[in-house]
């Protein structure tokens, strides 16, 4: 687990600038939480990407919260992120969840496009989510049968 934790923290630091990246301690809390599911994709002996999803009680039921999804730049545009997200959605559905939700930086157009192509819809903006003046958009997707 320590090797995997080190590798995903390193990849997160490559994929995201502050304030969007997670500290090692925060990442450990996310992946070791009782309600957590983590999938790591390996290619050529290295971590190509990963995602972390939490199952949470929300008003009216249960939903998955996408904590993070990271894909190494060398493996982008090959469908890996889409496959990781789909597997997370499958886990949420199998665990009794009816929906997935996530936050994305309001100015991250590539990520917004990725989620919208995957069926996610904006549920509103959350000002200062990542810190003062750094807003997020909440995205939501119902997970049908």
N, C-alpha and C. Protein backbone atom coordinates (compact mmCIF):
# COMPACT_ATOMS: atom_id res chain seq x y z
N UNK A 1 0.82 -1.20 0.00
CA UNK A 1 0.00 0.00 0.00
C UNK A 1 0.86 1.26 0.00
N UNK A 2 1.95 1.27 0.75
CA UNK A 2 2.80 2.47 0.82
C UNK A 2 3.37 2.83 -0.54
N UNK A 3 3.78 1.82 -1.30
CA UNK A 3 4.31 2.08 -2.65
C UNK A 3 3.24 2.69 -3.54
N UNK A 4 2.04 2.12 -3.46
CA UNK A 4 0.93 2.67 -4.25
C UNK A 4 0.59 4.09 -3.79
N UNK A 5 0.56 4.32 -2.49
CA UNK A 5 0.25 5.66 -1.98
C UNK A 5 1.29 6.66 -2.46
N UNK A 6 2.55 6.30 -2.36
CA UNK A 6 3.61 7.19 -2.84
C UNK A 6 3.42 7.52 -4.32
N UNK A 7 3.10 6.50 -5.11
CA UNK A 7 2.95 6.68 -6.56
C UNK A 7 1.75 7.55 -6.90
N UNK A 8 0.62 7.36 -6.21
CA UNK A 8 -0.54 8.18 -6.55
C UNK A 8 -0.37 9.62 -6.07
N UNK A 9 0.30 9.81 -4.95
CA UNK A 9 0.58 11.18 -4.49
C UNK A 9 1.51 11.88 -5.49
N UNK A 10 2.50 11.15 -5.98
CA UNK A 10 3.42 11.71 -6.98
C UNK A 10 2.68 12.07 -8.26
N UNK A 11 1.80 11.17 -8.73
CA UNK A 11 1.04 11.47 -9.94
C UNK A 11 0.10 12.65 -9.72
N UNK A 12 -0.53 12.72 -8.56
CA UNK A 12 -1.43 13.84 -8.27
C UNK A 12 -0.67 15.17 -8.32
N UNK A 13 0.56 15.17 -7.83
CA UNK A 13 1.38 16.39 -7.84
C UNK A 13 1.76 16.80 -9.26
N UNK A 14 1.88 15.82 -10.16
CA UNK A 14 2.18 16.11 -11.56
C UNK A 14 0.93 16.62 -12.28
N UNK A 15 -0.21 16.04 -11.94
CA UNK A 15 -1.46 16.37 -12.63
C UNK A 15 -2.07 17.70 -12.20
N UNK A 16 -1.86 18.08 -10.94
CA UNK A 16 -2.55 19.25 -10.40
C UNK A 16 -1.60 20.21 -9.72
N UNK A 17 -1.84 21.48 -9.94
CA UNK A 17 -1.12 22.55 -9.25
C UNK A 17 -1.85 22.83 -7.94
N UNK A 18 -1.15 23.45 -6.97
CA UNK A 18 -1.87 23.91 -5.78
C UNK A 18 -2.92 24.93 -6.23
N UNK A 19 -4.05 25.01 -5.67
CA UNK A 19 -4.56 24.32 -4.49
C UNK A 19 -5.33 23.05 -4.82
N UNK A 20 -5.16 22.51 -6.02
CA UNK A 20 -5.96 21.37 -6.45
C UNK A 20 -5.36 20.02 -6.11
N UNK A 21 -4.09 19.97 -5.77
CA UNK A 21 -3.46 18.69 -5.45
C UNK A 21 -3.63 18.39 -3.98
N UNK A 22 -3.50 17.11 -3.65
CA UNK A 22 -3.67 16.67 -2.27
C UNK A 22 -2.33 16.36 -1.63
N UNK A 23 -2.23 16.64 -0.35
CA UNK A 23 -1.05 16.25 0.42
C UNK A 23 -1.07 14.73 0.59
N UNK A 24 0.07 14.18 0.98
CA UNK A 24 0.15 12.74 1.23
C UNK A 24 -0.82 12.34 2.33
N UNK A 25 -0.90 13.14 3.39
CA UNK A 25 -1.80 12.83 4.51
C UNK A 25 -3.26 12.85 4.06
N UNK A 26 -3.63 13.83 3.26
CA UNK A 26 -5.00 13.90 2.76
C UNK A 26 -5.31 12.72 1.86
N UNK A 27 -4.39 12.39 0.96
CA UNK A 27 -4.62 11.27 0.05
C UNK A 27 -4.77 9.97 0.85
N UNK A 28 -3.94 9.79 1.86
CA UNK A 28 -4.06 8.59 2.71
C UNK A 28 -5.46 8.53 3.33
N UNK A 29 -5.94 9.66 3.87
CA UNK A 29 -7.28 9.67 4.47
C UNK A 29 -8.34 9.31 3.43
N UNK A 30 -8.20 9.83 2.23
CA UNK A 30 -9.19 9.54 1.19
C UNK A 30 -9.21 8.06 0.81
N UNK A 31 -8.05 7.47 0.58
CA UNK A 31 -8.02 6.08 0.11
C UNK A 31 -8.28 5.08 1.22
N UNK A 32 -8.01 5.44 2.47
CA UNK A 32 -8.20 4.51 3.58
C UNK A 32 -9.54 4.67 4.29
N UNK A 33 -10.35 5.62 3.87
CA UNK A 33 -11.66 5.83 4.50
C UNK A 33 -12.53 4.58 4.31
N UNK A 34 -13.39 4.31 5.28
CA UNK A 34 -14.25 3.13 5.23
C UNK A 34 -15.18 3.14 4.02
N UNK A 35 -15.55 4.32 3.57
CA UNK A 35 -16.50 4.45 2.46
C UNK A 35 -15.79 4.64 1.11
N UNK A 36 -14.51 4.31 1.05
CA UNK A 36 -13.68 4.62 -0.12
C UNK A 36 -13.49 3.42 -1.04
N UNK A 37 -13.38 3.74 -2.32
CA UNK A 37 -13.02 2.78 -3.36
C UNK A 37 -11.94 3.45 -4.20
N UNK A 38 -10.85 2.74 -4.43
CA UNK A 38 -9.75 3.28 -5.22
C UNK A 38 -9.38 2.27 -6.30
N UNK A 39 -9.21 2.76 -7.52
CA UNK A 39 -8.77 1.92 -8.62
C UNK A 39 -7.51 2.53 -9.20
N UNK A 40 -6.49 1.70 -9.34
CA UNK A 40 -5.21 2.13 -9.91
C UNK A 40 -5.00 1.38 -11.22
N UNK A 41 -4.72 2.12 -12.29
CA UNK A 41 -4.42 1.53 -13.59
C UNK A 41 -2.92 1.57 -13.80
N UNK A 42 -2.34 0.41 -14.12
CA UNK A 42 -0.91 0.32 -14.37
C UNK A 42 -0.66 -0.03 -15.83
N UNK A 43 0.36 0.60 -16.38
CA UNK A 43 0.81 0.30 -17.75
C UNK A 43 2.32 0.36 -17.76
N UNK A 44 2.91 -0.63 -18.36
CA UNK A 44 4.38 -0.70 -18.47
C UNK A 44 5.04 -0.57 -17.10
N UNK A 45 4.43 -1.19 -16.09
CA UNK A 45 5.02 -1.21 -14.76
C UNK A 45 4.91 0.09 -13.97
N UNK A 46 4.17 1.06 -14.49
CA UNK A 46 4.00 2.34 -13.80
C UNK A 46 2.53 2.65 -13.65
N UNK A 47 2.21 3.51 -12.70
CA UNK A 47 0.83 3.92 -12.53
C UNK A 47 0.47 4.91 -13.63
N UNK A 48 -0.51 4.52 -14.44
CA UNK A 48 -0.95 5.36 -15.55
C UNK A 48 -2.08 6.29 -15.12
N UNK A 49 -2.81 5.89 -14.10
CA UNK A 49 -3.91 6.70 -13.61
C UNK A 49 -4.59 6.04 -12.43
N UNK A 50 -5.45 6.80 -11.78
CA UNK A 50 -6.21 6.26 -10.66
C UNK A 50 -7.41 7.13 -10.39
N UNK A 51 -8.37 6.57 -9.68
CA UNK A 51 -9.48 7.39 -9.20
C UNK A 51 -9.88 6.93 -7.81
N UNK A 52 -10.42 7.87 -7.06
CA UNK A 52 -10.87 7.61 -5.70
C UNK A 52 -12.32 8.09 -5.62
N UNK A 53 -13.20 7.20 -5.16
CA UNK A 53 -14.61 7.51 -5.02
C UNK A 53 -15.03 7.18 -3.60
N UNK A 54 -15.86 8.03 -3.02
CA UNK A 54 -16.45 7.77 -1.71
C UNK A 54 -17.94 7.56 -1.86
N UNK A 55 -18.49 6.61 -1.13
CA UNK A 55 -19.92 6.39 -1.08
C UNK A 55 -20.46 7.21 0.08
N UNK A 56 -21.44 8.07 -0.18
CA UNK A 56 -21.92 9.00 0.83
C UNK A 56 -23.44 9.04 0.88
N UNK A 57 -23.96 9.29 2.07
CA UNK A 57 -25.39 9.52 2.23
C UNK A 57 -25.67 10.95 1.82
N UNK A 58 -26.65 11.11 0.94
CA UNK A 58 -27.08 12.43 0.50
C UNK A 58 -28.59 12.51 0.69
N UNK A 59 -29.10 13.70 0.57
CA UNK A 59 -30.54 13.88 0.71
C UNK A 59 -31.27 12.98 -0.28
N UNK A 60 -32.08 12.10 0.24
CA UNK A 60 -32.87 11.22 -0.62
C UNK A 60 -32.20 9.91 -1.00
N UNK A 61 -31.01 9.61 -0.48
CA UNK A 61 -30.40 8.33 -0.83
C UNK A 61 -28.91 8.28 -0.64
N UNK A 62 -28.27 7.56 -1.55
CA UNK A 62 -26.83 7.33 -1.50
C UNK A 62 -26.22 7.71 -2.84
N UNK A 63 -25.05 8.34 -2.80
CA UNK A 63 -24.38 8.74 -4.04
C UNK A 63 -22.88 8.54 -3.88
N UNK A 64 -22.21 8.44 -5.00
CA UNK A 64 -20.76 8.40 -5.01
C UNK A 64 -20.22 9.80 -5.21
N UNK A 65 -19.15 10.11 -4.49
CA UNK A 65 -18.47 11.39 -4.67
C UNK A 65 -17.10 11.10 -5.26
N UNK A 66 -16.83 11.66 -6.43
CA UNK A 66 -15.53 11.49 -7.07
C UNK A 66 -14.54 12.42 -6.39
N UNK A 67 -13.68 11.85 -5.57
CA UNK A 67 -12.68 12.64 -4.84
C UNK A 67 -11.64 13.17 -5.82
N UNK A 68 -11.12 12.28 -6.66
CA UNK A 68 -10.14 12.68 -7.67
C UNK A 68 -10.04 11.61 -8.74
N UNK A 69 -9.65 12.05 -9.91
CA UNK A 69 -9.30 11.15 -11.00
C UNK A 69 -8.08 11.76 -11.68
N UNK A 70 -7.01 11.00 -11.75
CA UNK A 70 -5.73 11.47 -12.28
C UNK A 70 -5.26 10.52 -13.36
N UNK A 71 -4.81 11.06 -14.48
CA UNK A 71 -4.24 10.25 -15.56
C UNK A 71 -2.92 10.87 -15.97
N UNK A 72 -1.88 10.06 -15.98
CA UNK A 72 -0.57 10.50 -16.42
C UNK A 72 -0.68 11.06 -17.84
N UNK A 73 -0.01 12.15 -18.10
CA UNK A 73 -0.08 12.83 -19.39
C UNK A 73 0.22 11.88 -20.56
N UNK A 74 1.12 10.92 -20.34
CA UNK A 74 1.49 9.98 -21.40
C UNK A 74 0.32 9.09 -21.82
N UNK A 75 -0.69 8.96 -20.97
CA UNK A 75 -1.79 8.04 -21.24
C UNK A 75 -3.12 8.76 -21.45
N UNK A 76 -3.08 10.07 -21.60
CA UNK A 76 -4.31 10.82 -21.84
C UNK A 76 -4.76 10.67 -23.29
N UNK A 77 -6.03 10.93 -23.49
CA UNK A 77 -6.65 10.87 -24.82
C UNK A 77 -6.70 9.45 -25.37
N UNK A 78 -6.62 8.46 -24.45
CA UNK A 78 -6.72 7.05 -24.86
C UNK A 78 -7.92 6.37 -24.19
N UNK A 79 -8.74 7.14 -23.51
CA UNK A 79 -9.94 6.59 -22.88
C UNK A 79 -9.75 6.07 -21.47
N UNK A 80 -8.54 6.21 -20.92
CA UNK A 80 -8.29 5.68 -19.58
C UNK A 80 -9.13 6.40 -18.52
N UNK A 81 -9.20 7.71 -18.59
CA UNK A 81 -10.00 8.46 -17.62
C UNK A 81 -11.46 8.05 -17.68
N UNK A 82 -11.97 7.89 -18.89
CA UNK A 82 -13.36 7.48 -19.07
C UNK A 82 -13.60 6.09 -18.47
N UNK A 83 -12.65 5.17 -18.67
CA UNK A 83 -12.78 3.81 -18.12
C UNK A 83 -12.70 3.82 -16.59
N UNK A 84 -11.79 4.62 -16.04
CA UNK A 84 -11.70 4.73 -14.58
C UNK A 84 -13.00 5.26 -13.99
N UNK A 85 -13.53 6.31 -14.60
CA UNK A 85 -14.77 6.91 -14.11
C UNK A 85 -15.93 5.91 -14.23
N UNK A 86 -16.00 5.19 -15.34
CA UNK A 86 -17.06 4.20 -15.54
C UNK A 86 -16.99 3.11 -14.48
N UNK A 87 -15.79 2.66 -14.15
CA UNK A 87 -15.64 1.63 -13.10
C UNK A 87 -16.07 2.18 -11.75
N UNK A 88 -15.76 3.44 -11.47
CA UNK A 88 -16.22 4.06 -10.23
C UNK A 88 -17.74 4.12 -10.17
N UNK A 89 -18.36 4.50 -11.29
CA UNK A 89 -19.81 4.54 -11.35
C UNK A 89 -20.41 3.15 -11.14
N UNK A 90 -19.79 2.12 -11.73
CA UNK A 90 -20.25 0.75 -11.54
C UNK A 90 -20.20 0.35 -10.06
N UNK A 91 -19.10 0.72 -9.39
CA UNK A 91 -18.97 0.39 -7.96
C UNK A 91 -20.05 1.08 -7.15
N UNK A 92 -20.30 2.35 -7.44
CA UNK A 92 -21.34 3.09 -6.71
C UNK A 92 -22.69 2.42 -6.93
N UNK A 93 -23.02 2.11 -8.17
CA UNK A 93 -24.29 1.46 -8.48
C UNK A 93 -24.40 0.12 -7.75
N UNK A 94 -23.35 -0.69 -7.78
CA UNK A 94 -23.35 -2.00 -7.11
C UNK A 94 -23.45 -1.86 -5.59
N UNK A 95 -23.04 -0.71 -5.07
CA UNK A 95 -23.08 -0.45 -3.63
C UNK A 95 -24.38 0.22 -3.20
N UNK A 96 -25.32 0.35 -4.12
CA UNK A 96 -26.62 0.92 -3.80
C UNK A 96 -26.75 2.40 -4.08
N UNK A 97 -25.75 3.00 -4.70
CA UNK A 97 -25.81 4.42 -5.02
C UNK A 97 -26.65 4.70 -6.24
N UNK A 98 -27.33 5.84 -6.21
CA UNK A 98 -28.20 6.22 -7.32
C UNK A 98 -27.59 7.30 -8.20
N UNK A 99 -26.49 7.91 -7.76
CA UNK A 99 -25.92 9.03 -8.51
C UNK A 99 -24.44 9.18 -8.17
N UNK A 100 -23.77 9.99 -8.99
CA UNK A 100 -22.38 10.40 -8.73
C UNK A 100 -22.35 11.90 -8.76
N UNK A 101 -21.46 12.48 -7.94
CA UNK A 101 -21.25 13.92 -8.01
C UNK A 101 -19.79 14.23 -7.77
N UNK A 102 -19.40 15.45 -8.15
CA UNK A 102 -18.01 15.86 -8.07
C UNK A 102 -17.93 17.37 -8.13
N UNK A 103 -16.77 17.88 -7.77
CA UNK A 103 -16.47 19.30 -7.94
C UNK A 103 -15.35 19.43 -8.97
N UNK A 104 -15.42 20.48 -9.77
CA UNK A 104 -14.37 20.75 -10.74
C UNK A 104 -14.11 22.25 -10.74
N UNK A 105 -12.86 22.61 -10.87
CA UNK A 105 -12.48 24.02 -10.93
C UNK A 105 -13.25 24.69 -12.06
N UNK A 106 -13.89 25.80 -11.76
CA UNK A 106 -14.79 26.48 -12.69
C UNK A 106 -14.10 26.90 -13.99
N UNK A 107 -12.78 27.04 -13.98
CA UNK A 107 -12.07 27.46 -15.19
C UNK A 107 -11.33 26.31 -15.89
N UNK A 108 -11.54 25.08 -15.43
CA UNK A 108 -10.89 23.92 -16.04
C UNK A 108 -11.78 23.39 -17.17
N UNK A 109 -11.67 24.03 -18.32
CA UNK A 109 -12.55 23.73 -19.45
C UNK A 109 -12.40 22.29 -19.95
N UNK A 110 -11.18 21.76 -19.93
CA UNK A 110 -10.97 20.39 -20.40
C UNK A 110 -11.69 19.40 -19.49
N UNK A 111 -11.58 19.59 -18.18
CA UNK A 111 -12.26 18.69 -17.25
C UNK A 111 -13.77 18.83 -17.35
N UNK A 112 -14.26 20.05 -17.47
CA UNK A 112 -15.70 20.27 -17.61
C UNK A 112 -16.22 19.56 -18.86
N UNK A 113 -15.50 19.68 -19.95
CA UNK A 113 -15.89 19.00 -21.20
C UNK A 113 -15.89 17.48 -20.99
N UNK A 114 -14.88 16.95 -20.32
CA UNK A 114 -14.78 15.51 -20.04
C UNK A 114 -16.02 15.03 -19.28
N UNK A 115 -16.38 15.72 -18.21
CA UNK A 115 -17.52 15.30 -17.40
C UNK A 115 -18.83 15.47 -18.15
N UNK A 116 -18.99 16.55 -18.88
CA UNK A 116 -20.23 16.75 -19.62
C UNK A 116 -20.40 15.70 -20.71
N UNK A 117 -19.31 15.32 -21.38
CA UNK A 117 -19.39 14.24 -22.37
C UNK A 117 -19.77 12.92 -21.72
N UNK A 118 -19.45 12.77 -20.43
CA UNK A 118 -19.78 11.56 -19.69
C UNK A 118 -21.17 11.58 -19.06
N UNK A 119 -21.96 12.61 -19.37
CA UNK A 119 -23.33 12.65 -18.88
C UNK A 119 -23.53 13.43 -17.60
N UNK A 120 -22.51 14.10 -17.11
CA UNK A 120 -22.63 14.91 -15.89
C UNK A 120 -23.21 16.28 -16.25
N UNK A 121 -24.04 16.79 -15.35
CA UNK A 121 -24.68 18.08 -15.56
C UNK A 121 -24.39 19.00 -14.39
N UNK A 122 -24.22 20.27 -14.69
CA UNK A 122 -23.93 21.26 -13.66
C UNK A 122 -25.10 21.39 -12.70
N UNK A 123 -24.77 21.41 -11.41
CA UNK A 123 -25.78 21.59 -10.37
C UNK A 123 -25.52 22.90 -9.62
N UNK A 124 -24.68 23.76 -10.20
CA UNK A 124 -24.43 25.06 -9.60
C UNK A 124 -22.99 25.28 -9.22
N UNK A 125 -22.67 26.54 -9.00
CA UNK A 125 -21.31 26.94 -8.65
C UNK A 125 -21.17 27.03 -7.13
N UNK A 126 -19.98 26.70 -6.64
CA UNK A 126 -19.67 26.84 -5.22
C UNK A 126 -18.47 27.77 -5.09
N UNK A 127 -18.76 28.99 -4.72
CA UNK A 127 -17.72 30.02 -4.60
C UNK A 127 -16.74 29.67 -3.48
N UNK A 128 -15.46 29.86 -3.79
CA UNK A 128 -14.41 29.65 -2.80
C UNK A 128 -14.19 28.21 -2.38
N UNK A 129 -14.68 27.25 -3.15
CA UNK A 129 -14.55 25.84 -2.78
C UNK A 129 -13.09 25.43 -2.59
N UNK A 130 -12.22 25.89 -3.46
CA UNK A 130 -10.79 25.54 -3.39
C UNK A 130 -9.97 26.59 -2.65
N UNK A 131 -10.62 27.62 -2.17
CA UNK A 131 -9.93 28.71 -1.48
C UNK A 131 -10.51 30.04 -1.95
N UNK A 132 -10.12 31.12 -1.32
CA UNK A 132 -10.66 32.44 -1.69
C UNK A 132 -10.47 32.73 -3.18
N UNK A 133 -11.59 33.01 -3.85
CA UNK A 133 -11.55 33.36 -5.26
C UNK A 133 -11.34 32.20 -6.22
N UNK A 134 -11.33 30.98 -5.71
CA UNK A 134 -11.10 29.80 -6.55
C UNK A 134 -12.36 28.93 -6.47
N UNK A 135 -13.24 29.16 -7.44
CA UNK A 135 -14.57 28.57 -7.42
C UNK A 135 -14.62 27.20 -8.09
N UNK A 136 -15.61 26.42 -7.69
CA UNK A 136 -15.86 25.11 -8.28
C UNK A 136 -17.26 25.06 -8.84
N UNK A 137 -17.46 24.14 -9.76
CA UNK A 137 -18.79 23.82 -10.24
C UNK A 137 -19.10 22.41 -9.73
N UNK A 138 -20.28 22.25 -9.18
CA UNK A 138 -20.74 20.94 -8.73
C UNK A 138 -21.40 20.26 -9.91
N UNK A 139 -20.97 19.03 -10.21
CA UNK A 139 -21.55 18.25 -11.28
C UNK A 139 -22.21 17.01 -10.70
N UNK A 140 -23.29 16.58 -11.33
CA UNK A 140 -24.13 15.50 -10.85
C UNK A 140 -24.54 14.61 -12.00
N UNK A 141 -24.60 13.30 -11.76
CA UNK A 141 -25.08 12.37 -12.77
C UNK A 141 -25.91 11.29 -12.10
N UNK A 142 -27.14 11.12 -12.55
CA UNK A 142 -27.98 10.02 -12.08
C UNK A 142 -27.44 8.73 -12.70
N UNK A 143 -27.38 7.69 -11.89
CA UNK A 143 -26.90 6.39 -12.38
C UNK A 143 -28.10 5.47 -12.56
N UNK A 144 -28.57 5.36 -13.79
CA UNK A 144 -29.72 4.51 -14.08
C UNK A 144 -29.34 3.04 -14.01
N UNK A 145 -30.34 2.24 -14.08
CA UNK A 145 -30.12 0.77 -14.06
C UNK A 145 -29.28 0.32 -15.23
